[in-house]
Amino acid sequence: MACGSFILDVVDLATFMELTEPSMTRPLIITMGDPAGVGPELALRGAWWAAKAGVPIAIAGSFGVLQRVASKLSLALPSRILPEAFAAYQFLPNIPVIVDFEELNAASVQPGIVNVETGRASLGYVCWSIDQAVAGNAAAIVTGPIHKEAWVVAGSPFPGHTELLAQRTHAPRHCMMLAAPSIRCALVTVHIGIAEVPAAISVEGILETIELAGDAVAKILQRPPAITVCGLNPHAGEGGLFGNQEEELMIRPAIKLAKQRGWQVTGPLPADTAFIPAWRAKTDVYVCMYHDQGLIPLKAIAFDEAVNITLGLPIIRTSVDHGTALDIAWQGVADGGSMFAAIDLASKLSANRQE
């Protein structure tokens, strides 16, 4: 899709060229998320949080919306505004910039009210940022919260970030993992209805999720991880009594193959006991069969510090683990913990990739 037009406001070409010495690093790009949600506030807070840590940051979004939010909430507003043409240059630490997408009428955006325009805008930020990362112009992307219904009305065929990222980066294997210091959950299926899950899981899909999660957590922890795989049905199927024998036909065979490949895997465990403190203490990452099986315990335990990571991509992408929170949009009460954690993890992962 077209990613819109851009303007040069504060920084002229000569000045910008002086700022872009070869020794400077590529930026992390924060996508602003849906303009009507908490994304603009979190993008601003995250940009300045990162700048204090010396992380080069560019916000992909609407300068007009960011200006309105900054004024309303008494937040500092980055003064450097860049067009798409400058995205290939390297950025200074400590000086966040904004890449301004002009096509959104910022004055018409109302906090808490999403529509086709806000959906189209947030989709454009993500598409552009993915392309910059694939081209090597960005070290990583950190995505703000989008509104899935707004994406649909804007014409997107993708139900969320994960599917768009996989398609646009041509990733043959991918999965979603949400991670916090106290719990990590990787998902075999993501944005589908619960009735569709049994038909969507397979031995290959479960094994792929085990391996992607295992590889990622091994890099994070610098050691082989302990992996717990959840069953699909109550009591993990109770030996085939519940469900359609998904545990016997798909989950157990996948676990067997993973063990043969050297992974330390336990399961399938009933989901109602898999997340008790005793199991969490000996589990580095859970492999969950469907979205809410993993996200309910994770958000109950670590809502404000969890990070969404898309595994298997040729680029680094992290995200907040929550939605647009329309009921508190532009009120200055959104918790920035997940955004800060997402920036921190993206920065560390990109540094590891460069080593």
Protein backbone atom coordinates (compact mmCIF):
# COMPACT_ATOMS: atom_id res chain seq x y z
CA MET A 1 0.00 0.00 0.00
CA ALA A 2 1.08 3.58 -0.42
CA CYS A 3 2.72 4.97 2.66
CA GLY A 4 1.80 8.59 2.12
CA SER A 5 3.67 11.82 1.53
CA PHE A 6 6.05 13.50 3.90
CA ILE A 7 7.16 17.04 4.70
CA LEU A 8 10.39 18.66 5.80
CA ASP A 9 9.63 21.16 8.54
CA VAL A 10 12.51 22.00 10.85
CA VAL A 11 15.65 20.34 9.52
CA ASP A 12 17.07 21.52 6.19
CA LEU A 13 19.25 19.23 4.07
CA ALA A 14 22.60 20.86 4.93
CA THR A 15 21.90 20.71 8.66
CA PHE A 16 20.72 17.15 8.47
CA MET A 17 23.79 16.02 6.54
CA GLU A 18 25.93 17.45 9.33
CA LEU A 19 23.99 15.34 11.81
CA THR A 20 24.44 12.10 9.91
CA GLU A 21 28.05 11.05 10.34
CA PRO A 22 28.84 7.43 9.38
CA SER A 23 29.57 6.54 13.03
CA MET A 24 25.97 7.12 14.07
CA THR A 25 23.65 4.16 14.39
CA ARG A 26 20.39 3.37 12.67
CA PRO A 27 17.26 4.30 14.64
CA LEU A 28 14.59 2.22 16.21
CA ILE A 29 11.27 3.21 14.68
CA ILE A 30 8.26 3.57 16.95
CA THR A 31 4.96 3.40 15.08
CA MET A 32 2.42 5.76 16.61
CA GLY A 33 -0.43 3.24 16.55
CA ASP A 34 -4.01 4.36 16.06
CA PRO A 35 -4.09 8.16 16.36
CA ALA A 36 -7.29 8.02 18.42
CA GLY A 37 -5.87 5.67 21.05
CA VAL A 38 -3.11 5.82 23.64
CA GLY A 39 -0.45 5.23 20.98
CA PRO A 40 0.53 8.90 20.43
CA GLU A 41 1.10 9.47 24.15
CA LEU A 42 3.09 6.25 24.48
CA ALA A 43 5.16 7.04 21.39
CA LEU A 44 6.16 10.40 22.85
CA ARG A 45 6.92 9.00 26.28
CA GLY A 46 8.82 6.11 24.73
CA ALA A 47 10.87 8.34 22.44
CA TRP A 48 12.12 10.52 25.28
CA TRP A 49 12.67 7.50 27.53
CA ALA A 50 14.84 5.97 24.79
CA ALA A 51 16.65 9.25 24.12
CA LYS A 52 17.75 9.44 27.75
CA ALA A 53 19.22 5.95 27.32
CA GLY A 54 21.08 7.05 24.18
CA VAL A 55 18.91 5.03 21.77
CA PRO A 56 18.30 6.72 18.38
CA ILE A 57 14.54 6.94 17.83
CA ALA A 58 12.21 7.93 15.02
CA ILE A 59 8.44 8.10 15.49
CA ALA A 60 6.43 7.16 12.40
CA GLY A 61 3.15 9.03 12.75
CA SER A 62 1.28 12.28 12.44
CA PHE A 63 3.10 15.38 13.64
CA GLY A 64 -0.23 17.18 13.99
CA VAL A 65 -1.66 14.50 16.30
CA LEU A 66 1.54 14.29 18.31
CA GLN A 67 1.53 18.07 18.64
CA ARG A 68 -2.06 18.06 19.94
CA VAL A 69 -1.33 15.29 22.43
CA ALA A 70 1.91 16.89 23.60
CA SER A 71 0.16 20.21 24.15
CA LYS A 72 -2.76 18.65 26.00
CA LEU A 73 -0.60 16.50 28.28
CA SER A 74 2.34 18.93 28.67
CA LEU A 75 4.74 16.47 27.05
CA ALA A 76 7.92 17.45 25.21
CA LEU A 77 7.56 17.33 21.42
CA PRO A 78 10.52 16.39 19.20
CA SER A 79 11.35 19.37 17.03
CA ARG A 80 13.03 17.49 14.20
CA ILE A 81 10.59 16.41 11.48
CA LEU A 82 11.89 14.35 8.58
CA PRO A 83 10.49 13.17 5.26
CA GLU A 84 10.75 9.66 3.85
CA ALA A 85 13.77 10.64 1.73
CA PHE A 86 15.91 11.02 4.84
CA ALA A 87 15.01 7.63 6.29
CA ALA A 88 18.15 6.02 4.83
CA TYR A 89 20.43 8.32 6.84
CA GLN A 90 21.64 7.46 10.30
CA PHE A 91 20.30 9.28 13.33
CA LEU A 92 21.78 10.84 16.44
CA PRO A 93 21.25 9.31 19.85
CA ASN A 94 19.46 11.56 22.36
CA ILE A 95 17.56 13.43 19.62
CA PRO A 96 14.28 11.72 18.68
CA VAL A 97 12.72 12.69 15.36
CA ILE A 98 9.27 12.42 13.78
CA VAL A 99 8.58 11.10 10.29
CA ASP A 100 5.37 12.91 9.44
CA PHE A 101 2.60 11.28 7.40
CA GLU A 102 0.67 14.21 5.96
CA GLU A 103 -2.45 12.54 4.60
CA LEU A 104 -4.21 12.29 7.96
CA ASN A 105 -6.24 15.36 8.91
CA ALA A 106 -4.90 15.67 12.45
CA ALA A 107 -7.50 18.28 13.44
CA SER A 108 -10.32 15.84 12.75
CA VAL A 109 -9.00 13.08 15.00
CA GLN A 110 -11.03 12.65 18.18
CA PRO A 111 -9.55 10.70 21.08
CA GLY A 112 -11.40 7.46 21.70
CA ILE A 113 -13.10 7.42 18.28
CA VAL A 114 -11.54 5.22 15.59
CA ASN A 115 -12.65 5.22 11.97
CA VAL A 116 -11.46 4.43 8.48
CA GLU A 117 -9.03 7.36 8.51
CA THR A 118 -7.31 6.43 11.76
CA GLY A 119 -7.19 2.81 10.60
CA ARG A 120 -5.63 3.76 7.27
CA ALA A 121 -3.11 6.01 8.98
CA SER A 122 -1.95 3.43 11.53
CA LEU A 123 -1.67 0.79 8.81
CA GLY A 124 0.50 3.16 6.76
CA TYR A 125 2.88 3.78 9.67
CA VAL A 126 3.44 0.05 10.07
CA CYS A 127 3.87 -0.69 6.35
CA TRP A 128 6.42 2.09 5.95
CA SER A 129 8.33 1.03 9.07
CA ILE A 130 8.50 -2.61 7.98
CA ASP A 131 9.89 -1.55 4.63
CA GLN A 132 12.53 0.64 6.29
CA ALA A 133 13.66 -2.23 8.51
CA VAL A 134 13.77 -4.68 5.60
CA ALA A 135 15.84 -2.18 3.60
CA GLY A 136 18.30 -1.89 6.47
CA ASN A 137 17.42 1.72 7.28
CA ALA A 138 16.17 0.89 10.79
CA ALA A 139 17.65 -1.30 13.50
CA ALA A 140 14.23 -2.49 14.66
CA ILE A 141 10.61 -1.44 14.88
CA VAL A 142 8.50 -1.04 18.00
CA THR A 143 4.81 -0.96 17.18
CA GLY A 144 2.20 1.02 19.07
CA PRO A 145 -1.32 -0.36 19.57
CA ILE A 146 -3.61 -0.53 16.54
CA HIS A 147 -7.37 -1.03 16.38
CA LYS A 148 -8.12 -4.17 14.37
CA GLU A 149 -11.64 -3.11 13.38
CA ALA A 150 -10.27 0.19 12.07
CA TRP A 151 -7.80 -1.75 9.94
CA VAL A 152 -10.62 -3.85 8.51
CA VAL A 153 -12.75 -0.85 7.54
CA ALA A 154 -9.63 0.72 6.03
CA GLY A 155 -9.40 -2.25 3.69
CA SER A 156 -6.64 -4.26 5.34
CA PRO A 157 -6.84 -8.04 4.79
CA PHE A 158 -4.73 -8.57 7.93
CA PRO A 159 -6.32 -9.12 11.36
CA GLY A 160 -3.28 -7.76 13.16
CA HIS A 161 0.41 -6.88 13.13
CA THR A 162 1.67 -10.47 13.13
CA GLU A 163 0.03 -11.48 9.87
CA LEU A 164 1.03 -8.25 8.12
CA LEU A 165 4.63 -8.57 9.27
CA ALA A 166 4.89 -12.16 8.05
CA GLN A 167 3.44 -11.34 4.63
CA ARG A 168 5.35 -8.12 4.04
CA THR A 169 8.72 -9.59 5.08
CA HIS A 170 8.08 -12.88 3.22
CA ALA A 171 8.81 -14.86 6.39
CA PRO A 172 8.31 -18.60 5.77
CA ARG A 173 7.99 -19.31 9.51
CA HIS A 174 6.73 -17.00 12.21
CA CYS A 175 4.90 -16.91 15.51
CA MET A 176 3.91 -14.47 18.24
CA MET A 177 5.61 -14.57 21.62
CA LEU A 178 4.78 -12.35 24.56
CA ALA A 179 7.53 -12.02 27.11
CA ALA A 180 8.00 -10.58 30.58
CA PRO A 181 10.68 -11.34 33.16
CA SER A 182 8.33 -13.70 35.01
CA ILE A 183 6.52 -15.42 32.11
CA ARG A 184 6.81 -15.99 28.34
CA CYS A 185 4.16 -17.44 26.05
CA ALA A 186 4.49 -18.38 22.37
CA LEU A 187 1.31 -18.97 20.37
CA VAL A 188 0.66 -21.71 17.82
CA THR A 189 -2.42 -19.89 16.49
CA VAL A 190 -3.17 -16.19 16.87
CA HIS A 191 -6.08 -14.13 15.55
CA ILE A 192 -8.69 -16.76 14.71
CA GLY A 193 -11.97 -17.76 16.33
CA ILE A 194 -11.84 -20.36 19.07
CA ALA A 195 -13.94 -22.77 16.97
CA GLU A 196 -11.25 -22.66 14.26
CA VAL A 197 -8.34 -23.60 16.52
CA PRO A 198 -8.52 -27.43 16.42
CA ALA A 199 -8.35 -27.47 12.62
CA ALA A 200 -5.56 -24.88 12.59
CA ILE A 201 -3.06 -26.73 14.77
CA SER A 202 -0.76 -29.38 13.33
CA VAL A 203 2.34 -31.33 14.25
CA GLU A 204 4.39 -29.08 11.98
CA GLY A 205 2.90 -25.87 13.37
CA ILE A 206 3.43 -26.87 16.99
CA LEU A 207 7.00 -28.02 16.32
CA GLU A 208 7.72 -24.77 14.48
CA THR A 209 6.47 -22.73 17.44
CA ILE A 210 8.55 -24.79 19.88
CA GLU A 211 11.67 -24.21 17.81
CA LEU A 212 11.11 -20.50 17.15
CA ALA A 213 10.37 -19.86 20.83
CA GLY A 214 13.27 -22.03 21.93
CA ASP A 215 15.73 -20.23 19.66
CA ALA A 216 14.54 -16.79 20.80
CA VAL A 217 14.57 -17.54 24.52
CA ALA A 218 17.95 -19.24 24.27
CA LYS A 219 19.34 -15.97 22.87
CA ILE A 220 17.65 -13.94 25.61
CA LEU A 221 18.80 -16.19 28.47
CA GLN A 222 22.09 -17.33 26.92
CA ARG A 223 21.29 -20.96 27.74
CA PRO A 224 18.99 -23.78 26.56
CA PRO A 225 15.44 -23.00 27.71
CA ALA A 226 12.95 -25.21 29.52
CA ILE A 227 9.80 -25.34 27.39
CA THR A 228 6.31 -26.27 28.60
CA VAL A 229 3.68 -27.15 26.00
CA CYS A 230 0.01 -26.73 26.92
CA GLY A 231 -2.72 -29.10 25.86
CA LEU A 232 -5.69 -27.87 23.87
CA ASN A 233 -8.53 -29.57 25.72
CA PRO A 234 -9.51 -29.72 29.41
CA HIS A 235 -7.12 -31.95 31.35
CA ALA A 236 -4.93 -32.05 28.20
CA GLY A 237 -7.49 -34.34 26.64
CA GLU A 238 -7.56 -36.88 29.50
CA GLY A 239 -6.05 -39.56 27.28
CA GLY A 240 -8.37 -38.79 24.37
CA LEU A 241 -11.62 -38.52 26.34
CA PHE A 242 -12.06 -34.78 25.69
CA GLY A 243 -11.85 -33.10 22.33
CA ASN A 244 -10.94 -34.80 19.08
CA GLN A 245 -7.69 -36.39 20.28
CA GLU A 246 -5.64 -33.31 19.36
CA GLU A 247 -3.20 -34.08 22.17
CA GLU A 248 -2.63 -37.66 20.96
CA LEU A 249 -2.56 -36.94 17.24
CA MET A 250 -0.71 -33.63 17.09
CA ILE A 251 0.63 -32.21 20.34
CA ARG A 252 2.41 -35.31 21.69
CA PRO A 253 4.01 -36.17 18.31
CA ALA A 254 5.30 -32.59 18.02
CA ILE A 255 6.78 -32.77 21.51
CA LYS A 256 8.43 -36.10 20.66
CA LEU A 257 10.03 -34.62 17.55
CA ALA A 258 11.21 -31.57 19.50
CA LYS A 259 12.87 -33.79 22.10
CA GLN A 260 14.58 -35.75 19.33
CA ARG A 261 16.00 -32.45 18.07
CA GLY A 262 17.46 -31.70 21.49
CA TRP A 263 14.86 -29.39 23.02
CA GLN A 264 14.01 -29.64 26.72
CA VAL A 265 10.22 -29.95 26.46
CA THR A 266 7.52 -30.94 28.94
CA GLY A 267 3.87 -31.58 28.12
CA PRO A 268 1.20 -31.49 27.12
CA LEU A 269 0.13 -29.94 30.41
CA PRO A 270 -3.46 -29.00 31.25
CA ALA A 271 -3.68 -25.23 30.88
CA ASP A 272 -5.52 -24.87 34.19
CA THR A 273 -2.42 -26.00 36.12
CA ALA A 274 0.40 -25.14 33.72
CA PHE A 275 0.69 -21.56 34.98
CA ILE A 276 0.72 -22.12 38.73
CA PRO A 277 3.80 -20.70 40.49
CA ALA A 278 5.53 -24.08 40.80
CA TRP A 279 5.40 -24.68 37.04
CA ARG A 280 6.32 -21.10 36.18
CA ALA A 281 9.43 -21.46 38.33
CA LYS A 282 10.72 -24.25 36.10
CA THR A 283 9.45 -22.96 32.74
CA ASP A 284 11.32 -20.48 30.55
CA VAL A 285 8.65 -20.33 27.83
CA TYR A 286 5.17 -21.79 27.33
CA VAL A 287 3.89 -22.95 23.96
CA CYS A 288 0.15 -22.28 23.88
CA MET A 289 -2.34 -23.56 21.33
CA TYR A 290 -4.42 -20.41 20.98
CA HIS A 291 -4.40 -16.69 21.71
CA ASP A 292 -6.19 -16.43 25.04
CA GLN A 293 -4.65 -19.60 26.45
CA GLY A 294 -1.37 -17.69 26.67
CA LEU A 295 -2.46 -14.09 26.96
CA ILE A 296 -4.85 -14.47 29.88
CA PRO A 297 -2.21 -15.74 32.33
CA LEU A 298 0.49 -13.48 30.91
CA LYS A 299 -1.57 -10.31 31.22
CA ALA A 300 -2.85 -11.31 34.65
CA ILE A 301 0.72 -11.76 35.87
CA ALA A 302 2.70 -9.12 33.96
CA PHE A 303 0.41 -6.72 32.09
CA ASP A 304 2.54 -3.58 32.49
CA GLU A 305 5.90 -5.17 31.64
CA ALA A 306 5.15 -7.68 28.90
CA VAL A 307 6.38 -7.27 25.33
CA ASN A 308 4.98 -8.72 22.11
CA ILE A 309 7.69 -10.15 19.82
CA THR A 310 7.18 -11.57 16.34
CA LEU A 311 9.57 -14.50 15.94
CA GLY A 312 10.93 -15.82 12.66
CA LEU A 313 11.10 -12.48 10.82
CA PRO A 314 14.18 -11.16 9.00
CA ILE A 315 13.74 -7.96 11.03
CA ILE A 316 13.35 -7.21 14.74
CA ARG A 317 9.86 -6.24 15.83
CA THR A 318 8.61 -5.75 19.37
CA SER A 319 5.38 -4.18 20.58
CA VAL A 320 3.34 -3.24 23.59
CA ASP A 321 1.21 -6.11 24.82
CA HIS A 322 -2.05 -4.12 25.05
CA GLY A 323 -4.59 -2.44 22.81
CA THR A 324 -5.59 1.10 22.02
CA ALA A 325 -7.34 1.71 25.38
CA LEU A 326 -9.79 4.13 23.78
CA ASP A 327 -11.45 4.87 27.10
CA ILE A 328 -8.30 6.58 28.42
CA ALA A 329 -6.90 7.97 25.16
CA TRP A 330 -5.10 11.33 25.41
CA GLN A 331 -5.70 11.56 29.17
CA GLY A 332 -2.15 11.14 30.39
CA VAL A 333 -2.93 8.04 32.44
CA ALA A 334 -1.69 5.30 30.09
CA ASP A 335 1.06 3.20 31.67
CA GLY A 336 4.26 3.36 29.63
CA GLY A 337 5.82 0.24 31.15
CA SER A 338 5.12 -2.06 28.22
CA MET A 339 6.36 0.51 25.69
CA PHE A 340 9.58 1.07 27.64
CA ALA A 341 10.11 -2.69 27.89
CA ALA A 342 9.47 -3.11 24.15
CA ILE A 343 12.03 -0.41 23.30
CA ASP A 344 14.57 -1.89 25.71
CA LEU A 345 14.21 -5.40 24.28
CA ALA A 346 14.32 -4.18 20.67
CA SER A 347 17.48 -2.24 21.44
CA LYS A 348 19.14 -5.26 23.04
CA LEU A 349 18.10 -7.62 20.25
CA SER A 350 19.36 -5.26 17.56
CA ALA A 351 22.67 -4.82 19.41
CA ASN A 352 23.06 -8.62 19.64
CA ARG A 353 22.34 -8.97 15.93
CA GLN A 354 25.09 -6.47 15.09
CA GLU A 355 27.69 -8.28 17.24
